[in-house]
Structure formats: structure tokens, C-alpha cells
Amino acid sequence: MSCFDGRGGFDSSADSSVSFLSHVDCSAIDELDPSLADGHVLIYSREVPCELRLEDGSGGPPKDVGRLEPIRVKILLLGDEQQPQHVRVEVTSENDLFLNYTHALNEELFRQMQESQKLMIEFGDYPNVLVKMLNSCIKEPHSFLAVFIMRMNGRARLDFIQSMEYKFIELLSLDFLQSTEEFTRRDMTFRYNALKSKLALLQARLHDVGCLLKLKSPSLLLHLQKAAQQQAQRRQQQALASASASGGGRSGAGGPATSSRFR
């Protein structure tokens, strides 16, 4: 929101004073990530739309229909970025805190993967290829799909699928193992504490901005406070309306949205 002086001009001093709201340094918090404990460096961390499927343990293929939800994907490297010694991919979900899987490869294991899938890339290119595929799933969800298939034995597989005009092409497949109970517990603790700490930082920064606005532009602060109250009231009304609609439709065929784009 722009600030204007009494003559209708732009109040650059007020704008520059509040611009620091968007600059909150959370690096000290992120350094406590248990994923970095063994020397790995985080090069990628984004939420990627992913179709989740579950094998029933009968040995047959997974169900064609899965639920589509955002999954946090982290890529970590050990060693030089151009010539890594080890690549690790971690998959977690905010909707299911116990969903925690790891894909780990050194160059020798990559050679086996390269041979079985007839890959034309080298181990040094592998992290960048993963980044490009994940970003494609985010930017072009109608053309690129990530399918995460979980098995009852703790194993899982992430398939990258490209949707062509009349067919689906599997581009790459990654094998995952369910993370250990100890690592999952530490990761959950870190994520909770990191969120709480970042929220405290933002609240402190917001308080500083409020004090600054009260000093420099009390009328703008009053306007923002009223707007925030109105927005909170609208959200409360929407939540009540949504809860009422959900209660009235419970007898219907509810359930999460599904996706069946890949068969």
C-alpha cells in the first residue's frame, strides 16, 4: 500500500521505512534443519502438486485414482554442486506429518538407475534435471504430473509423467524409503519450532511497523486496523457458512478431490 502526504504526493520516507517488513532473516532458524546435520546443502525446497496413490499390498498395480495435494520436496547435495558425492531427495506433507520419505543416491547407485531406466544424463546433471522436472509440474500441471506411489512395506516411488496428445510418457522414476521414526520425529519437531519462531519474528516486525506508522502516519494505521478487522469478520462469516454447508451435506458422497489423469 502506498503512502501519500497531505498534498497528494508520494511519501517516500514512510514507504522506505515500512519496506523492511518483507525482509525477515530466518537463516538462523533454517540452519537447525535436521536434514543438514550430516553436511548436506539444501538447493531446492518447494511445494509441488503431486498425485498420491497407495498400493494395497496384494502385489497388483496401484489404484488408478489418487488424491492430488501439495507435497514439500527438498533436494540436498553433499559435496560440490557440479560434481556431488551424494544426492538426497526428501518428501513431506503438511496434511500428513507422518508422510516422510527419502530418496538417496551416490554415483554408483545412480549408474544402476541410469542403466535400468536408459537415462541419457550423468550423475552431475541429476540434481538440475530433478529441479527442472519439479518446476515443470508446478508451472505446467496439465502437461507434467508427479505421481507418488506408497507401498505397505515402507517403500515408495515418485514417477514423473508427461501428458502428450493421446498418451502418457514416464520420464523418470525415483525409489524412496520411508524415513526412520527418529528422523521423522526430529523433522516434525523442527518444522513446528521453525514455524513458531518465524511467526514470532513476523509478529515482532509487524509491531515495529505499527509503531512506525503510529508515529509517521496515524491515519494510515487507523485505516489498516479497520481493514484488518473487516477482513477478519469476512473470514469468520465465510468459515461459518462453510461449516454450515459441510454439516448439511455430510450425508452426501463426500471425500477428497481425486485425479485420474494417468492410467
Protein backbone atom coordinates (compact mmCIF):
# COMPACT_ATOMS: atom_id res chain seq x y z
CA MET A 1 0.00 0.00 0.00
CA SER A 2 1.37 3.42 -0.98
CA CYS A 3 1.59 6.31 1.49
CA PHE A 4 0.67 9.86 0.39
CA ASP A 5 1.43 13.17 2.04
CA GLY A 6 -1.08 15.94 2.69
CA ARG A 7 -0.50 17.43 -0.78
CA GLY A 8 -1.35 14.16 -2.52
CA GLY A 9 2.29 13.35 -3.22
CA PHE A 10 4.07 10.08 -2.51
CA ASP A 11 5.56 9.86 0.97
CA SER A 12 8.80 8.07 0.10
CA SER A 13 10.11 8.21 3.66
CA ALA A 14 7.14 6.28 5.02
CA ASP A 15 7.33 3.76 2.18
CA SER A 16 11.04 3.16 2.64
CA SER A 17 10.55 2.84 6.38
CA VAL A 18 7.99 0.06 6.09
CA SER A 19 9.76 -1.76 3.25
CA PHE A 20 11.82 -3.75 5.76
CA LEU A 21 8.68 -5.70 6.71
CA SER A 22 9.34 -8.09 3.84
CA HIS A 23 12.95 -8.70 4.90
CA VAL A 24 12.89 -11.14 7.80
CA ASP A 25 16.11 -13.12 8.23
CA CYS A 26 15.22 -16.73 9.05
CA SER A 27 18.60 -18.24 8.14
CA ALA A 28 19.49 -18.99 11.78
CA ILE A 29 16.25 -20.97 12.13
CA ASP A 30 16.73 -22.87 8.86
CA GLU A 31 20.25 -23.93 9.88
CA LEU A 32 18.70 -26.14 12.60
CA ASP A 33 17.08 -28.35 9.94
CA PRO A 34 17.99 -31.99 10.78
CA SER A 35 18.37 -32.63 7.04
CA LEU A 36 21.58 -30.56 7.15
CA ALA A 37 23.11 -32.40 10.11
CA ASP A 38 25.41 -34.63 8.03
CA GLY A 39 26.85 -31.86 5.85
CA HIS A 40 24.30 -31.84 3.03
CA VAL A 41 23.38 -28.47 1.49
CA LEU A 42 19.81 -27.58 0.58
CA ILE A 43 19.49 -26.50 -3.06
CA TYR A 44 15.73 -26.81 -3.57
CA SER A 45 12.63 -26.69 -1.39
CA ARG A 46 9.17 -26.14 -2.88
CA GLU A 47 5.65 -27.45 -2.63
CA VAL A 48 4.84 -29.49 -5.72
CA PRO A 49 1.35 -30.70 -6.72
CA CYS A 50 1.53 -34.47 -6.54
CA GLU A 51 -0.92 -37.32 -7.01
CA LEU A 52 -0.71 -39.69 -4.05
CA ARG A 53 -1.53 -43.36 -4.52
CA LEU A 54 -1.39 -46.31 -2.16
CA GLU A 55 -0.73 -49.92 -3.09
CA ASP A 56 -2.92 -52.33 -1.14
CA GLY A 57 -0.15 -54.89 -0.58
CA SER A 58 -1.64 -57.53 -2.87
CA GLY A 59 1.22 -57.14 -5.34
CA GLY A 60 -1.06 -55.74 -8.01
CA PRO A 61 -0.80 -52.31 -9.60
CA PRO A 62 -1.85 -49.24 -7.58
CA LYS A 63 -5.31 -47.82 -7.96
CA ASP A 64 -5.82 -45.56 -10.96
CA VAL A 65 -7.35 -42.83 -8.83
CA GLY A 66 -5.28 -40.89 -6.30
CA ARG A 67 -5.67 -37.70 -4.30
CA LEU A 68 -3.92 -34.57 -5.54
CA GLU A 69 -2.23 -32.43 -2.89
CA PRO A 70 0.84 -30.22 -2.44
CA ILE A 71 3.93 -32.10 -1.29
CA ARG A 72 7.10 -30.46 0.03
CA VAL A 73 10.10 -31.67 -1.98
CA LYS A 74 13.64 -30.90 -0.80
CA ILE A 75 16.83 -31.65 -2.75
CA LEU A 76 20.10 -31.78 -0.82
CA LEU A 77 23.65 -32.28 -2.05
CA LEU A 78 26.84 -33.43 -0.37
CA GLY A 79 30.00 -32.09 -1.99
CA ASP A 80 30.44 -29.81 -4.98
CA GLU A 81 27.25 -28.79 -6.77
CA GLN A 82 28.70 -29.64 -10.19
CA GLN A 83 30.20 -32.95 -9.01
CA PRO A 84 28.16 -34.08 -5.99
CA GLN A 85 29.19 -37.06 -3.89
CA HIS A 86 25.63 -37.75 -2.76
CA VAL A 87 22.13 -36.57 -3.69
CA ARG A 88 19.16 -36.82 -1.33
CA VAL A 89 15.52 -36.01 -2.03
CA GLU A 90 13.09 -35.70 0.87
CA VAL A 91 9.30 -35.72 0.56
CA THR A 92 6.99 -34.48 3.33
CA SER A 93 3.40 -33.29 3.64
CA GLU A 94 1.73 -30.65 5.80
CA ASN A 95 -1.52 -32.61 5.56
CA ASP A 96 0.08 -35.77 6.97
CA LEU A 97 3.04 -35.09 9.26
CA PHE A 98 3.99 -38.78 9.28
CA LEU A 99 4.43 -38.84 5.49
CA ASN A 100 8.21 -38.65 5.33
CA TYR A 101 10.22 -40.44 2.63
CA THR A 102 13.82 -40.24 1.43
CA HIS A 103 15.49 -40.94 -1.91
CA ALA A 104 19.29 -41.18 -1.63
CA LEU A 105 21.87 -41.84 -4.34
CA ASN A 106 25.62 -41.83 -4.77
CA GLU A 107 27.25 -42.16 -8.19
CA GLU A 108 27.36 -45.96 -8.05
CA LEU A 109 23.65 -46.27 -7.27
CA PHE A 110 22.91 -43.71 -9.97
CA ARG A 111 24.70 -45.91 -12.53
CA GLN A 112 22.30 -48.74 -11.70
CA MET A 113 19.35 -46.38 -12.06
CA GLN A 114 20.79 -44.99 -15.28
CA GLU A 115 21.11 -48.45 -16.79
CA SER A 116 17.66 -49.70 -15.72
CA GLN A 117 15.84 -46.59 -16.99
CA LYS A 118 18.09 -45.93 -20.02
CA LEU A 119 18.87 -42.42 -18.84
CA MET A 120 20.97 -40.17 -21.05
CA ILE A 121 22.19 -37.90 -18.24
CA GLU A 122 25.21 -38.09 -15.94
CA PHE A 123 25.22 -38.01 -12.15
CA GLY A 124 26.37 -34.37 -12.10
CA ASP A 125 23.32 -33.37 -14.16
CA TYR A 126 20.87 -35.30 -11.99
CA PRO A 127 20.03 -32.53 -9.44
CA ASN A 128 19.34 -29.97 -12.18
CA VAL A 129 17.14 -32.43 -14.07
CA LEU A 130 15.13 -33.05 -10.90
CA VAL A 131 14.72 -29.30 -10.34
CA LYS A 132 13.50 -28.79 -13.91
CA MET A 133 11.00 -31.63 -13.68
CA LEU A 134 9.63 -30.47 -10.34
CA ASN A 135 9.27 -26.90 -11.62
CA SER A 136 7.52 -28.20 -14.73
CA CYS A 137 4.97 -29.96 -12.50
CA ILE A 138 4.36 -26.62 -10.76
CA LYS A 139 4.24 -24.39 -13.85
CA GLU A 140 2.59 -26.80 -16.32
CA PRO A 141 0.38 -29.14 -14.25
CA HIS A 142 -1.71 -30.10 -17.29
CA SER A 143 1.38 -31.35 -19.15
CA PHE A 144 3.59 -32.67 -16.35
CA LEU A 145 2.43 -34.79 -13.43
CA ALA A 146 4.22 -36.15 -10.37
CA VAL A 147 2.76 -39.41 -9.03
CA PHE A 148 3.90 -40.65 -5.61
CA ILE A 149 3.06 -44.33 -5.05
CA MET A 150 3.38 -45.62 -1.47
CA ARG A 151 3.59 -49.31 -0.59
CA MET A 152 2.69 -51.04 2.66
CA ASN A 153 6.31 -52.21 3.18
CA GLY A 154 7.65 -48.66 3.63
CA ARG A 155 8.87 -48.26 0.06
CA ALA A 156 7.59 -45.67 -2.39
CA ARG A 157 8.16 -44.43 -5.92
CA LEU A 158 7.93 -40.98 -7.48
CA ASP A 159 7.07 -41.05 -11.19
CA PHE A 160 7.36 -38.01 -13.44
CA ILE A 161 4.78 -38.27 -16.22
CA GLN A 162 4.42 -36.12 -19.32
CA SER A 163 0.96 -35.90 -20.84
CA MET A 164 1.16 -35.96 -24.63
CA GLU A 165 -1.76 -35.57 -27.01
CA TYR A 166 -3.07 -39.12 -26.75
CA LYS A 167 -0.73 -40.84 -24.32
CA PHE A 168 1.31 -40.54 -21.14
CA ILE A 169 5.11 -40.91 -21.13
CA GLU A 170 7.06 -41.81 -17.99
CA LEU A 171 10.13 -39.58 -17.93
CA LEU A 172 11.84 -40.61 -14.70
CA SER A 173 11.16 -42.79 -11.68
CA LEU A 174 12.73 -42.36 -8.21
CA ASP A 175 12.72 -45.03 -5.50
CA PHE A 176 12.06 -43.87 -1.92
CA LEU A 177 12.25 -45.40 1.53
CA GLN A 178 10.18 -44.30 4.49
CA SER A 179 12.35 -42.19 6.78
CA THR A 180 13.28 -43.61 10.15
CA GLU A 181 11.00 -42.92 13.10
CA GLU A 182 13.78 -40.94 14.81
CA PHE A 183 14.36 -38.69 11.78
CA THR A 184 10.62 -38.19 11.25
CA ARG A 185 10.22 -37.15 14.89
CA ARG A 186 13.14 -34.69 14.69
CA ASP A 187 11.84 -33.29 11.40
CA MET A 188 8.34 -32.77 12.81
CA THR A 189 9.80 -31.02 15.86
CA PHE A 190 11.95 -28.77 13.68
CA ARG A 191 9.08 -27.83 11.39
CA TYR A 192 6.85 -26.94 14.34
CA ASN A 193 9.54 -24.91 16.12
CA ALA A 194 10.60 -23.18 12.87
CA LEU A 195 7.02 -22.16 12.12
CA LYS A 196 6.54 -20.86 15.67
CA SER A 197 9.83 -18.92 15.58
CA LYS A 198 9.14 -17.38 12.17
CA LEU A 199 5.67 -16.35 13.33
CA ALA A 200 7.19 -14.66 16.39
CA LEU A 201 9.68 -12.80 14.15
CA LEU A 202 6.91 -11.61 11.85
CA GLN A 203 4.76 -10.51 14.79
CA ALA A 204 7.69 -8.54 16.23
CA ARG A 205 8.36 -6.96 12.84
CA LEU A 206 4.68 -6.12 12.44
CA HIS A 207 4.69 -4.47 15.87
CA ASP A 208 7.69 -2.36 14.82
CA VAL A 209 5.90 -1.29 11.65
CA GLY A 210 2.79 -0.44 13.67
CA CYS A 211 4.83 1.79 15.98
CA LEU A 212 6.47 3.45 12.97
CA LEU A 213 3.13 4.11 11.28
CA LYS A 214 1.66 5.44 14.52
CA LEU A 215 4.49 7.96 14.63
CA LYS A 216 4.61 8.91 10.94
CA SER A 217 1.06 8.31 9.68
CA PRO A 218 -1.58 7.69 12.37
CA SER A 219 -4.43 7.97 9.84
CA LEU A 220 -2.93 5.21 7.70
CA LEU A 221 -2.52 2.97 10.77
CA LEU A 222 -6.18 3.51 11.67
CA HIS A 223 -7.21 2.66 8.10
CA LEU A 224 -5.14 -0.55 8.16
CA GLN A 225 -6.57 -1.60 11.51
CA LYS A 226 -10.13 -1.12 10.26
CA ALA A 227 -9.36 -3.04 7.06
CA ALA A 228 -7.86 -5.91 9.08
CA GLN A 229 -10.94 -6.07 11.32
CA GLN A 230 -13.26 -6.15 8.30
CA GLN A 231 -11.20 -8.89 6.68
CA ALA A 232 -11.25 -10.95 9.88
CA GLN A 233 -15.04 -10.58 10.08
CA ARG A 234 -15.43 -11.69 6.45
CA ARG A 235 -13.25 -14.74 7.05
CA GLN A 236 -15.26 -15.65 10.15
CA GLN A 237 -18.51 -15.37 8.19
CA GLN A 238 -17.07 -17.50 5.36
CA ALA A 239 -15.90 -20.13 7.86
CA LEU A 240 -19.33 -20.27 9.49
CA ALA A 241 -21.03 -20.54 6.10
CA SER A 242 -18.62 -23.28 5.03
CA ALA A 243 -19.15 -25.22 8.26
CA SER A 244 -22.91 -24.93 7.85
CA ALA A 245 -22.73 -26.16 4.26
CA SER A 246 -20.47 -29.06 5.26
CA GLY A 247 -22.80 -30.11 8.03
CA GLY A 248 -25.77 -30.05 5.70
CA GLY A 249 -24.01 -32.13 3.07
CA ARG A 250 -22.46 -34.81 5.27
CA SER A 251 -24.99 -37.37 4.23
CA GLY A 252 -23.82 -36.97 0.63
CA ALA A 253 -20.89 -38.62 -1.06
CA GLY A 254 -18.10 -36.53 0.42
CA GLY A 255 -14.39 -37.10 0.29
CA PRO A 256 -11.22 -35.54 -1.07
CA ALA A 257 -10.95 -34.46 -4.69
CA THR A 258 -9.39 -37.07 -6.88
CA SER A 259 -7.39 -37.11 -10.04
CA SER A 260 -7.21 -39.85 -12.62
CA ARG A 261 -5.24 -38.25 -15.40
CA PHE A 262 -2.75 -41.08 -15.66
CA ARG A 263 -3.95 -44.62 -16.29
